[in-house]
PDB file of N, CA and C in Angstrom:
ATOM      1  N   UNK A   1     -32.670  32.265  36.497  1.00  0.00           N
ATOM      2  CA  UNK A   1     -32.405  32.813  35.185  1.00  0.00           C
ATOM      3  C   UNK A   1     -31.184  32.130  34.609  1.00  0.00           C
ATOM      4  N   UNK A   2     -31.138  32.012  33.323  1.00  0.00           N
ATOM      5  CA  UNK A   2     -30.044  31.348  32.630  1.00  0.00           C
ATOM      6  C   UNK A   2     -28.825  32.274  32.592  1.00  0.00           C
ATOM      7  N   UNK A   3     -27.755  31.864  33.247  1.00  0.00           N
ATOM      8  CA  UNK A   3     -26.550  32.688  33.331  1.00  0.00           C
ATOM      9  C   UNK A   3     -25.882  32.809  31.965  1.00  0.00           C
ATOM     10  N   UNK A   4     -25.906  31.742  31.183  1.00  0.00           N
ATOM     11  CA  UNK A   4     -25.297  31.786  29.855  1.00  0.00           C
ATOM     12  C   UNK A   4     -25.963  32.803  28.948  1.00  0.00           C
ATOM     13  N   UNK A   5     -27.283  32.842  28.961  1.00  0.00           N
ATOM     14  CA  UNK A   5     -28.013  33.814  28.148  1.00  0.00           C
ATOM     15  C   UNK A   5     -27.739  35.226  28.641  1.00  0.00           C
ATOM     16  N   UNK A   6     -27.680  35.420  29.950  1.00  0.00           N
ATOM     17  CA  UNK A   6     -27.403  36.743  30.499  1.00  0.00           C
ATOM     18  C   UNK A   6     -26.017  37.227  30.077  1.00  0.00           C
ATOM     19  N   UNK A   7     -25.004  36.355  30.184  1.00  0.00           N
ATOM     20  CA  UNK A   7     -23.641  36.746  29.815  1.00  0.00           C
ATOM     21  C   UNK A   7     -23.519  37.047  28.323  1.00  0.00           C
ATOM     22  N   UNK A   8     -24.200  36.297  27.484  1.00  0.00           N
ATOM     23  CA  UNK A   8     -24.097  36.505  26.041  1.00  0.00           C
ATOM     24  C   UNK A   8     -24.858  37.715  25.542  1.00  0.00           C
ATOM     25  N   UNK A   9     -26.033  37.964  26.077  1.00  0.00           N
ATOM     26  CA  UNK A   9     -26.886  38.998  25.510  1.00  0.00           C
ATOM     27  C   UNK A   9     -26.967  40.281  26.328  1.00  0.00           C
ATOM     28  N   UNK A  10     -26.715  40.250  27.609  1.00  0.00           N
ATOM     29  CA  UNK A  10     -26.856  41.445  28.442  1.00  0.00           C
ATOM     30  C   UNK A  10     -25.524  42.074  28.818  1.00  0.00           C
ATOM     31  N   UNK A  11     -24.431  41.433  28.466  1.00  0.00           N
ATOM     32  CA  UNK A  11     -23.109  42.012  28.716  1.00  0.00           C
ATOM     33  C   UNK A  11     -22.342  42.002  27.396  1.00  0.00           C
ATOM     34  N   UNK A  12     -21.206  42.603  27.391  1.00  0.00           N
ATOM     35  CA  UNK A  12     -20.357  42.592  26.199  1.00  0.00           C
ATOM     36  C   UNK A  12     -19.254  41.541  26.317  1.00  0.00           C
ATOM     37  N   UNK A  13     -19.489  40.504  27.095  1.00  0.00           N
ATOM     38  CA  UNK A  13     -18.482  39.454  27.292  1.00  0.00           C
ATOM     39  C   UNK A  13     -18.154  38.720  25.997  1.00  0.00           C
ATOM     40  N   UNK A  14     -19.126  38.575  25.116  1.00  0.00           N
ATOM     41  CA  UNK A  14     -18.903  37.865  23.856  1.00  0.00           C
ATOM     42  C   UNK A  14     -18.900  38.792  22.650  1.00  0.00           C
ATOM     43  N   UNK A  15     -18.946  40.095  22.859  1.00  0.00           N
ATOM     44  CA  UNK A  15     -18.901  41.061  21.770  1.00  0.00           C
ATOM     45  C   UNK A  15     -20.151  41.059  20.908  1.00  0.00           C
ATOM     46  N   UNK A  16     -21.321  40.989  21.533  1.00  0.00           N
ATOM     47  CA  UNK A  16     -22.582  40.927  20.790  1.00  0.00           C
ATOM     48  C   UNK A  16     -22.768  42.134  19.884  1.00  0.00           C
ATOM     49  N   UNK A  17     -22.498  43.331  20.371  1.00  0.00           N
ATOM     50  CA  UNK A  17     -22.733  44.537  19.573  1.00  0.00           C
ATOM     51  C   UNK A  17     -21.755  44.642  18.404  1.00  0.00           C
ATOM     52  N   UNK A  18     -20.611  44.019  18.497  1.00  0.00           N
ATOM     53  CA  UNK A  18     -19.661  44.005  17.396  1.00  0.00           C
ATOM     54  C   UNK A  18     -20.109  43.035  16.303  1.00  0.00           C
ATOM     55  N   UNK A  19     -20.640  41.883  16.713  1.00  0.00           N
ATOM     56  CA  UNK A  19     -21.091  40.882  15.759  1.00  0.00           C
ATOM     57  C   UNK A  19     -22.425  41.276  15.127  1.00  0.00           C
ATOM     58  N   UNK A  20     -23.327  41.866  15.931  1.00  0.00           N
ATOM     59  CA  UNK A  20     -24.650  42.281  15.464  1.00  0.00           C
ATOM     60  C   UNK A  20     -24.833  43.776  15.706  1.00  0.00           C
ATOM     61  N   UNK A  21     -24.204  44.624  14.889  1.00  0.00           N
ATOM     62  CA  UNK A  21     -24.322  46.078  15.125  1.00  0.00           C
ATOM     63  C   UNK A  21     -25.746  46.564  14.854  1.00  0.00           C
ATOM     64  N   UNK A  22     -26.206  47.468  15.710  1.00  0.00           N
ATOM     65  CA  UNK A  22     -27.528  48.051  15.537  1.00  0.00           C
ATOM     66  C   UNK A  22     -28.663  47.262  16.169  1.00  0.00           C
ATOM     67  N   UNK A  23     -28.363  46.127  16.790  1.00  0.00           N
ATOM     68  CA  UNK A  23     -29.397  45.318  17.438  1.00  0.00           C
ATOM     69  C   UNK A  23     -29.226  45.417  18.949  1.00  0.00           C
ATOM     70  N   UNK A  24     -30.298  45.757  19.633  1.00  0.00           N
ATOM     71  CA  UNK A  24     -30.296  45.839  21.091  1.00  0.00           C
ATOM     72  C   UNK A  24     -31.026  44.627  21.652  1.00  0.00           C
ATOM     73  N   UNK A  25     -30.305  43.718  22.333  1.00  0.00           N
ATOM     74  CA  UNK A  25     -30.969  42.532  22.886  1.00  0.00           C
ATOM     75  C   UNK A  25     -31.608  42.816  24.239  1.00  0.00           C
ATOM     76  N   UNK A  26     -32.732  42.182  24.484  1.00  0.00           N
ATOM     77  CA  UNK A  26     -33.430  42.251  25.770  1.00  0.00           C
ATOM     78  C   UNK A  26     -33.714  40.820  26.200  1.00  0.00           C
ATOM     79  N   UNK A  27     -33.259  40.447  27.371  1.00  0.00           N
ATOM     80  CA  UNK A  27     -33.450  39.096  27.883  1.00  0.00           C
ATOM     81  C   UNK A  27     -34.780  39.023  28.632  1.00  0.00           C
ATOM     82  N   UNK A  28     -35.697  38.208  28.133  1.00  0.00           N
ATOM     83  CA  UNK A  28     -37.019  38.064  28.743  1.00  0.00           C
ATOM     84  C   UNK A  28     -37.053  36.791  29.576  1.00  0.00           C
ATOM     85  N   UNK A  29     -37.425  36.938  30.831  1.00  0.00           N
ATOM     86  CA  UNK A  29     -37.424  35.807  31.741  1.00  0.00           C
ATOM     87  C   UNK A  29     -38.670  35.829  32.627  1.00  0.00           C
ATOM     88  N   UNK A  30     -38.766  34.887  33.495  1.00  0.00           N
ATOM     89  CA  UNK A  30     -39.915  34.688  34.378  1.00  0.00           C
ATOM     90  C   UNK A  30     -40.295  35.971  35.115  1.00  0.00           C
ATOM     91  N   UNK A  31     -41.570  36.291  35.086  1.00  0.00           N
ATOM     92  CA  UNK A  31     -42.058  37.522  35.712  1.00  0.00           C
ATOM     93  C   UNK A  31     -41.827  37.541  37.219  1.00  0.00           C
ATOM     94  N   UNK A  32     -41.816  36.384  37.857  1.00  0.00           N
ATOM     95  CA  UNK A  32     -41.616  36.310  39.302  1.00  0.00           C
ATOM     96  C   UNK A  32     -40.263  36.803  39.764  1.00  0.00           C
ATOM     97  N   UNK A  33     -39.260  36.794  38.889  1.00  0.00           N
ATOM     98  CA  UNK A  33     -37.932  37.281  39.269  1.00  0.00           C
ATOM     99  C   UNK A  33     -37.905  38.783  39.500  1.00  0.00           C
ATOM    100  N   UNK A  34     -38.901  39.490  38.974  1.00  0.00           N
ATOM    101  CA  UNK A  34     -38.944  40.936  39.127  1.00  0.00           C
ATOM    102  C   UNK A  34     -39.648  41.369  40.411  1.00  0.00           C
ATOM    103  N   UNK A  35     -40.025  40.418  41.256  1.00  0.00           N
ATOM    104  CA  UNK A  35     -40.646  40.734  42.545  1.00  0.00           C
ATOM    105  C   UNK A  35     -39.611  40.991  43.633  1.00  0.00           C
ATOM    106  N   UNK A  36     -38.396  40.503  43.440  1.00  0.00           N
ATOM    107  CA  UNK A  36     -37.323  40.700  44.415  1.00  0.00           C
ATOM    108  C   UNK A  36     -36.614  42.016  44.109  1.00  0.00           C
ATOM    109  N   UNK A  37     -36.608  42.963  45.048  1.00  0.00           N
ATOM    110  CA  UNK A  37     -36.150  44.329  44.755  1.00  0.00           C
ATOM    111  C   UNK A  37     -34.739  44.441  44.175  1.00  0.00           C
ATOM    112  N   UNK A  38     -33.743  43.854  44.778  1.00  0.00           N
ATOM    113  CA  UNK A  38     -32.368  44.021  44.301  1.00  0.00           C
ATOM    114  C   UNK A  38     -32.158  43.273  42.988  1.00  0.00           C
ATOM    115  N   UNK A  39     -32.695  42.061  42.888  1.00  0.00           N
ATOM    116  CA  UNK A  39     -32.579  41.294  41.653  1.00  0.00           C
ATOM    117  C   UNK A  39     -33.308  42.002  40.509  1.00  0.00           C
ATOM    118  N   UNK A  40     -34.449  42.601  40.802  1.00  0.00           N
ATOM    119  CA  UNK A  40     -35.205  43.339  39.787  1.00  0.00           C
ATOM    120  C   UNK A  40     -34.365  44.458  39.192  1.00  0.00           C
ATOM    121  N   UNK A  41     -33.729  45.259  40.044  1.00  0.00           N
ATOM    122  CA  UNK A  41     -32.909  46.367  39.558  1.00  0.00           C
ATOM    123  C   UNK A  41     -31.721  45.868  38.748  1.00  0.00           C
ATOM    124  N   UNK A  42     -31.132  44.767  39.178  1.00  0.00           N
ATOM    125  CA  UNK A  42     -29.996  44.191  38.459  1.00  0.00           C
ATOM    126  C   UNK A  42     -30.416  43.704  37.073  1.00  0.00           C
ATOM    127  N   UNK A  43     -31.559  43.033  36.987  1.00  0.00           N
ATOM    128  CA  UNK A  43     -32.045  42.535  35.704  1.00  0.00           C
ATOM    129  C   UNK A  43     -32.411  43.678  34.762  1.00  0.00           C
ATOM    130  N   UNK A  44     -33.078  44.689  35.290  1.00  0.00           N
ATOM    131  CA  UNK A  44     -33.465  45.831  34.464  1.00  0.00           C
ATOM    132  C   UNK A  44     -32.251  46.613  33.968  1.00  0.00           C
ATOM    133  N   UNK A  45     -31.201  46.705  34.784  1.00  0.00           N
ATOM    134  CA  UNK A  45     -30.003  47.438  34.362  1.00  0.00           C
ATOM    135  C   UNK A  45     -29.275  46.723  33.231  1.00  0.00           C
ATOM    136  N   UNK A  46     -29.439  45.404  33.141  1.00  0.00           N
ATOM    137  CA  UNK A  46     -28.802  44.646  32.065  1.00  0.00           C
ATOM    138  C   UNK A  46     -29.674  44.486  30.836  1.00  0.00           C
ATOM    139  N   UNK A  47     -30.833  45.105  30.790  1.00  0.00           N
ATOM    140  CA  UNK A  47     -31.715  44.995  29.634  1.00  0.00           C
ATOM    141  C   UNK A  47     -32.735  43.880  29.758  1.00  0.00           C
ATOM    142  N   UNK A  48     -32.899  43.328  30.948  1.00  0.00           N
ATOM    143  CA  UNK A  48     -33.870  42.256  31.152  1.00  0.00           C
ATOM    144  C   UNK A  48     -35.289  42.781  31.214  1.00  0.00           C
ATOM    145  N   UNK A  49     -36.241  41.898  30.946  1.00  0.00           N
ATOM    146  CA  UNK A  49     -37.645  42.273  31.016  1.00  0.00           C
ATOM    147  C   UNK A  49     -38.475  41.035  31.324  1.00  0.00           C
ATOM    148  N   UNK A  50     -39.706  41.273  31.681  1.00  0.00           N
ATOM    149  CA  UNK A  50     -40.641  40.188  31.950  1.00  0.00           C
ATOM    150  C   UNK A  50     -41.052  39.546  30.628  1.00  0.00           C
ATOM    151  N   UNK A  51     -41.413  38.279  30.681  1.00  0.00           N
ATOM    152  CA  UNK A  51     -41.790  37.566  29.462  1.00  0.00           C
ATOM    153  C   UNK A  51     -43.285  37.690  29.165  1.00  0.00           C
ATOM    154  N   UNK A  52     -43.948  38.640  29.802  1.00  0.00           N
ATOM    155  CA  UNK A  52     -45.376  38.832  29.565  1.00  0.00           C
ATOM    156  C   UNK A  52     -45.612  39.428  28.169  1.00  0.00           C
ATOM    157  N   UNK A  53     -46.809  39.236  27.659  1.00  0.00           N
ATOM    158  CA  UNK A  53     -47.161  39.717  26.323  1.00  0.00           C
ATOM    159  C   UNK A  53     -47.028  41.228  26.215  1.00  0.00           C
ATOM    160  N   UNK A  54     -47.441  41.936  27.245  1.00  0.00           N
ATOM    161  CA  UNK A  54     -47.365  43.396  27.201  1.00  0.00           C
ATOM    162  C   UNK A  54     -45.914  43.895  27.198  1.00  0.00           C
ATOM    163  N   UNK A  55     -45.044  43.252  27.968  1.00  0.00           N
ATOM    164  CA  UNK A  55     -43.635  43.656  27.999  1.00  0.00           C
ATOM    165  C   UNK A  55     -42.949  43.398  26.665  1.00  0.00           C
ATOM    166  N   UNK A  56     -43.190  42.228  26.096  1.00  0.00           N
ATOM    167  CA  UNK A  56     -42.574  41.898  24.817  1.00  0.00           C
ATOM    168  C   UNK A  56     -43.095  42.806  23.703  1.00  0.00           C
ATOM    169  N   UNK A  57     -44.398  43.088  23.719  1.00  0.00           N
ATOM    170  CA  UNK A  57     -44.971  43.982  22.731  1.00  0.00           C
ATOM    171  C   UNK A  57     -44.405  45.388  22.812  1.00  0.00           C
ATOM    172  N   UNK A  58     -44.188  45.858  24.029  1.00  0.00           N
ATOM    173  CA  UNK A  58     -43.622  47.199  24.223  1.00  0.00           C
ATOM    174  C   UNK A  58     -42.199  47.266  23.671  1.00  0.00           C
ATOM    175  N   UNK A  59     -41.384  46.281  23.970  1.00  0.00           N
ATOM    176  CA  UNK A  59     -39.987  46.281  23.506  1.00  0.00           C
ATOM    177  C   UNK A  59     -39.917  46.190  21.987  1.00  0.00           C
ATOM    178  N   UNK A  60     -40.731  45.330  21.400  1.00  0.00           N
ATOM    179  CA  UNK A  60     -40.676  45.155  19.951  1.00  0.00           C
ATOM    180  C   UNK A  60     -41.236  46.346  19.180  1.00  0.00           C
ATOM    181  N   UNK A  61     -42.039  47.179  19.826  1.00  0.00           N
ATOM    182  CA  UNK A  61     -42.640  48.314  19.123  1.00  0.00           C
ATOM    183  C   UNK A  61     -41.918  49.638  19.380  1.00  0.00           C
ATOM    184  N   UNK A  62     -40.940  49.673  20.259  1.00  0.00           N
ATOM    185  CA  UNK A  62     -40.284  50.940  20.567  1.00  0.00           C
ATOM    186  C   UNK A  62     -39.115  51.227  19.630  1.00  0.00           C
ATOM    187  N   UNK A  63     -38.904  52.462  19.332  1.00  0.00           N
ATOM    188  CA  UNK A  63     -37.781  52.970  18.532  1.00  0.00           C
ATOM    189  C   UNK A  63     -37.560  52.236  17.217  1.00  0.00           C
ATOM    190  N   UNK A  64     -38.591  51.863  16.548  1.00  0.00           N
ATOM    191  CA  UNK A  64     -38.449  51.249  15.233  1.00  0.00           C
ATOM    192  C   UNK A  64     -37.806  49.877  15.265  1.00  0.00           C
ATOM    193  N   UNK A  65     -36.901  49.658  14.334  1.00  0.00           N
ATOM    194  CA  UNK A  65     -36.274  48.336  14.223  1.00  0.00           C
ATOM    195  C   UNK A  65     -35.003  48.266  15.059  1.00  0.00           C
ATOM    196  N   UNK A  66     -34.487  47.055  15.243  1.00  0.00           N
ATOM    197  CA  UNK A  66     -33.237  46.876  15.959  1.00  0.00           C
ATOM    198  C   UNK A  66     -33.385  46.343  17.361  1.00  0.00           C
ATOM    199  N   UNK A  67     -34.585  46.023  17.787  1.00  0.00           N
ATOM    200  CA  UNK A  67     -34.798  45.466  19.117  1.00  0.00           C
ATOM    201  C   UNK A  67     -35.016  43.960  19.002  1.00  0.00           C
ATOM    202  N   UNK A  68     -34.243  43.205  19.747  1.00  0.00           N
ATOM    203  CA  UNK A  68     -34.354  41.747  19.735  1.00  0.00           C
ATOM    204  C   UNK A  68     -34.716  41.273  21.135  1.00  0.00           C
ATOM    205  N   UNK A  69     -35.636  40.329  21.216  1.00  0.00           N
ATOM    206  CA  UNK A  69     -36.027  39.756  22.497  1.00  0.00           C
ATOM    207  C   UNK A  69     -35.512  38.329  22.548  1.00  0.00           C
ATOM    208  N   UNK A  70     -34.759  38.028  23.596  1.00  0.00           N
ATOM    209  CA  UNK A  70     -34.237  36.685  23.816  1.00  0.00           C
ATOM    210  C   UNK A  70     -35.055  36.075  24.944  1.00  0.00           C
ATOM    211  N   UNK A  71     -35.830  35.044  24.630  1.00  0.00           N
ATOM    212  CA  UNK A  71     -36.697  34.413  25.623  1.00  0.00           C
ATOM    213  C   UNK A  71     -35.962  33.245  26.270  1.00  0.00           C
ATOM    214  N   UNK A  72     -35.884  33.259  27.591  1.00  0.00           N
ATOM    215  CA  UNK A  72     -35.285  32.154  28.333  1.00  0.00           C
ATOM    216  C   UNK A  72     -36.344  31.067  28.462  1.00  0.00           C
ATOM    217  N   UNK A  73     -36.107  29.953  27.779  1.00  0.00           N
ATOM    218  CA  UNK A  73     -37.067  28.856  27.818  1.00  0.00           C
ATOM    219  C   UNK A  73     -36.779  27.963  29.015  1.00  0.00           C
ATOM    220  N   UNK A  74     -37.732  27.141  29.339  1.00  0.00           N
ATOM    221  CA  UNK A  74     -37.573  26.218  30.457  1.00  0.00           C
ATOM    222  C   UNK A  74     -38.697  26.399  31.449  1.00  0.00           C
ATOM    223  N   UNK A  75     -38.727  25.525  32.379  1.00  0.00           N
ATOM    224  CA  UNK A  75     -39.760  25.576  33.390  1.00  0.00           C
ATOM    225  C   UNK A  75     -40.058  24.192  33.909  1.00  0.00           C
ATOM    226  N   UNK A  76     -41.185  24.062  34.562  1.00  0.00           N
ATOM    227  CA  UNK A  76     -41.544  22.783  35.176  1.00  0.00           C
ATOM    228  C   UNK A  76     -41.746  21.687  34.140  1.00  0.00           C
ATOM    229  N   UNK A  77     -42.406  22.007  33.036  1.00  0.00           N
ATOM    230  CA  UNK A  77     -42.668  20.985  32.017  1.00  0.00           C
ATOM    231  C   UNK A  77     -41.365  20.459  31.415  1.00  0.00           C
ATOM    232  N   UNK A  78     -40.427  21.343  31.128  1.00  0.00           N
ATOM    233  CA  UNK A  78     -39.161  20.923  30.553  1.00  0.00           C
ATOM    234  C   UNK A  78     -38.328  20.127  31.558  1.00  0.00           C
ATOM    235  N   UNK A  79     -38.375  20.514  32.818  1.00  0.00           N
ATOM    236  CA  UNK A  79     -37.588  19.789  33.815  1.00  0.00           C
ATOM    237  C   UNK A  79     -38.104  18.379  34.041  1.00  0.00           C
ATOM    238  N   UNK A  80     -39.407  18.190  33.911  1.00  0.00           N
ATOM    239  CA  UNK A  80     -39.962  16.844  34.080  1.00  0.00           C
ATOM    240  C   UNK A  80     -39.731  15.967  32.847  1.00  0.00           C
ATOM    241  N   UNK A  81     -39.517  16.566  31.696  1.00  0.00           N
ATOM    242  CA  UNK A  81     -39.292  15.806  30.462  1.00  0.00           C
ATOM    243  C   UNK A  81     -37.815  15.519  30.230  1.00  0.00           C
ATOM    244  N   UNK A  82     -36.964  15.985  31.115  1.00  0.00           N
ATOM    245  CA  UNK A  82     -35.533  15.812  30.932  1.00  0.00           C
ATOM    246  C   UNK A  82     -35.060  14.385  31.174  1.00  0.00           C
ATOM    247  N   UNK A  83     -34.065  13.992  30.399  1.00  0.00           N
ATOM    248  CA  UNK A  83     -33.432  12.685  30.536  1.00  0.00           C
ATOM    249  C   UNK A  83     -31.975  12.834  30.132  1.00  0.00           C
ATOM    250  N   UNK A  84     -31.082  12.053  30.713  1.00  0.00           N
ATOM    251  CA  UNK A  84     -29.662  12.155  30.350  1.00  0.00           C
ATOM    252  C   UNK A  84     -29.446  11.878  28.857  1.00  0.00           C
ATOM    253  N   UNK A  85     -28.716  12.755  28.208  1.00  0.00           N
ATOM    254  CA  UNK A  85     -28.398  12.590  26.796  1.00  0.00           C
ATOM    255  C   UNK A  85     -29.483  13.010  25.837  1.00  0.00           C
ATOM    256  N   UNK A  86     -30.598  13.542  26.334  1.00  0.00           N
ATOM    257  CA  UNK A  86     -31.713  13.952  25.478  1.00  0.00           C
ATOM    258  C   UNK A  86     -31.930  15.452  25.637  1.00  0.00           C
ATOM    259  N   UNK A  87     -32.007  16.156  24.524  1.00  0.00           N
ATOM    260  CA  UNK A  87     -32.261  17.597  24.526  1.00  0.00           C
ATOM    261  C   UNK A  87     -33.607  17.838  23.860  1.00  0.00           C
ATOM    262  N   UNK A  88     -34.547  18.419  24.583  1.00  0.00           N
ATOM    263  CA  UNK A  88     -35.870  18.671  24.013  1.00  0.00           C
ATOM    264  C   UNK A  88     -36.417  19.992  24.533  1.00  0.00           C
ATOM    265  N   UNK A  89     -37.240  20.621  23.705  1.00  0.00           N
ATOM    266  CA  UNK A  89     -37.929  21.851  24.068  1.00  0.00           C
ATOM    267  C   UNK A  89     -39.407  21.632  23.779  1.00  0.00           C
ATOM    268  N   UNK A  90     -40.253  21.940  24.748  1.00  0.00           N
ATOM    269  CA  UNK A  90     -41.694  21.756  24.587  1.00  0.00           C
ATOM    270  C   UNK A  90     -42.322  23.056  24.079  1.00  0.00           C
ATOM    271  N   UNK A  91     -42.841  23.038  22.864  1.00  0.00           N
ATOM    272  CA  UNK A  91     -43.438  24.235  22.275  1.00  0.00           C
ATOM    273  C   UNK A  91     -44.878  24.028  21.834  1.00  0.00           C
ATOM    274  N   UNK A  92     -45.475  22.895  22.146  1.00  0.00           N
ATOM    275  CA  UNK A  92     -46.805  22.571  21.638  1.00  0.00           C
ATOM    276  C   UNK A  92     -47.836  23.659  21.955  1.00  0.00           C
ATOM    277  N   UNK A  93     -47.907  24.102  23.188  1.00  0.00           N
ATOM    278  CA  UNK A  93     -48.899  25.103  23.581  1.00  0.00           C
ATOM    279  C   UNK A  93     -48.271  26.470  23.836  1.00  0.00           C
ATOM    280  N   UNK A  94     -47.070  26.682  23.320  1.00  0.00           N
ATOM    281  CA  UNK A  94     -46.360  27.931  23.595  1.00  0.00           C
ATOM    282  C   UNK A  94     -45.960  28.611  22.294  1.00  0.00           C
ATOM    283  N   UNK A  95     -46.931  29.039  21.533  1.00  0.00           N
ATOM    284  CA  UNK A  95     -46.648  29.658  20.248  1.00  0.00           C
ATOM    285  C   UNK A  95     -47.031  31.133  20.214  1.00  0.00           C
ATOM    286  N   UNK A  96     -47.421  31.680  21.334  1.00  0.00           N
ATOM    287  CA  UNK A  96     -47.830  33.075  21.377  1.00  0.00           C
ATOM    288  C   UNK A  96     -46.715  34.031  21.025  1.00  0.00           C
ATOM    289  N   UNK A  97     -45.488  33.683  21.350  1.00  0.00           N
ATOM    290  CA  UNK A  97     -44.373  34.558  21.048  1.00  0.00           C
ATOM    291  C   UNK A  97     -44.112  34.644  19.549  1.00  0.00           C
ATOM    292  N   UNK A  98     -44.450  33.592  18.804  1.00  0.00           N
ATOM    293  CA  UNK A  98     -44.302  33.624  17.348  1.00  0.00           C
ATOM    294  C   UNK A  98     -45.327  34.572  16.747  1.00  0.00           C
ATOM    295  N   UNK A  99     -46.565  34.504  17.202  1.00  0.00           N
ATOM    296  CA  UNK A  99     -47.599  35.422  16.728  1.00  0.00           C
ATOM    297  C   UNK A  99     -47.242  36.867  17.048  1.00  0.00           C
ATOM    298  N   UNK A 100     -46.714  37.090  18.236  1.00  0.00           N
ATOM    299  CA  UNK A 100     -46.326  38.435  18.651  1.00  0.00           C
ATOM    300  C   UNK A 100     -45.185  38.963  17.777  1.00  0.00           C
ATOM    301  N   UNK A 101     -44.218  38.122  17.481  1.00  0.00           N
ATOM    302  CA  UNK A 101     -43.096  38.542  16.635  1.00  0.00           C
ATOM    303  C   UNK A 101     -43.553  38.858  15.219  1.00  0.00           C
ATOM    304  N   UNK A 102     -44.500  38.105  14.698  1.00  0.00           N
ATOM    305  CA  UNK A 102     -44.976  38.346  13.346  1.00  0.00           C
ATOM    306  C   UNK A 102     -45.787  39.628  13.230  1.00  0.00           C
ATOM    307  N   UNK A 103     -46.433  40.057  14.309  1.00  0.00           N
ATOM    308  CA  UNK A 103     -47.195  41.295  14.268  1.00  0.00           C
ATOM    309  C   UNK A 103     -46.297  42.518  14.330  1.00  0.00           C
ATOM    310  N   UNK A 104     -45.087  42.362  14.841  1.00  0.00           N
ATOM    311  CA  UNK A 104     -44.170  43.503  14.936  1.00  0.00           C
ATOM    312  C   UNK A 104     -43.131  43.349  13.863  1.00  0.00           C
TER     313      UNK A 104
END
């Protein structure tokens, strides 16, 4: 899991709630991380969730407005496309989260 995203959105280390009042961030990451018992509890206590369609849909539809989902990008495809000095994100076949956000 991305430590920078966790520190910024799941803790008050950077004052997220002061800068964005009324918005509750949820860090969505790889579903496999929730299989480890202690790590699962730690992630859930910080507002983390699985990046599955059902989890994201549940968070975006609960308690009206004010819920934000932060998706941790990356994976095997991005790691193989990496090169020194080049920053790229592969989104060609990964647009489901945009459709999900537009429906909520």
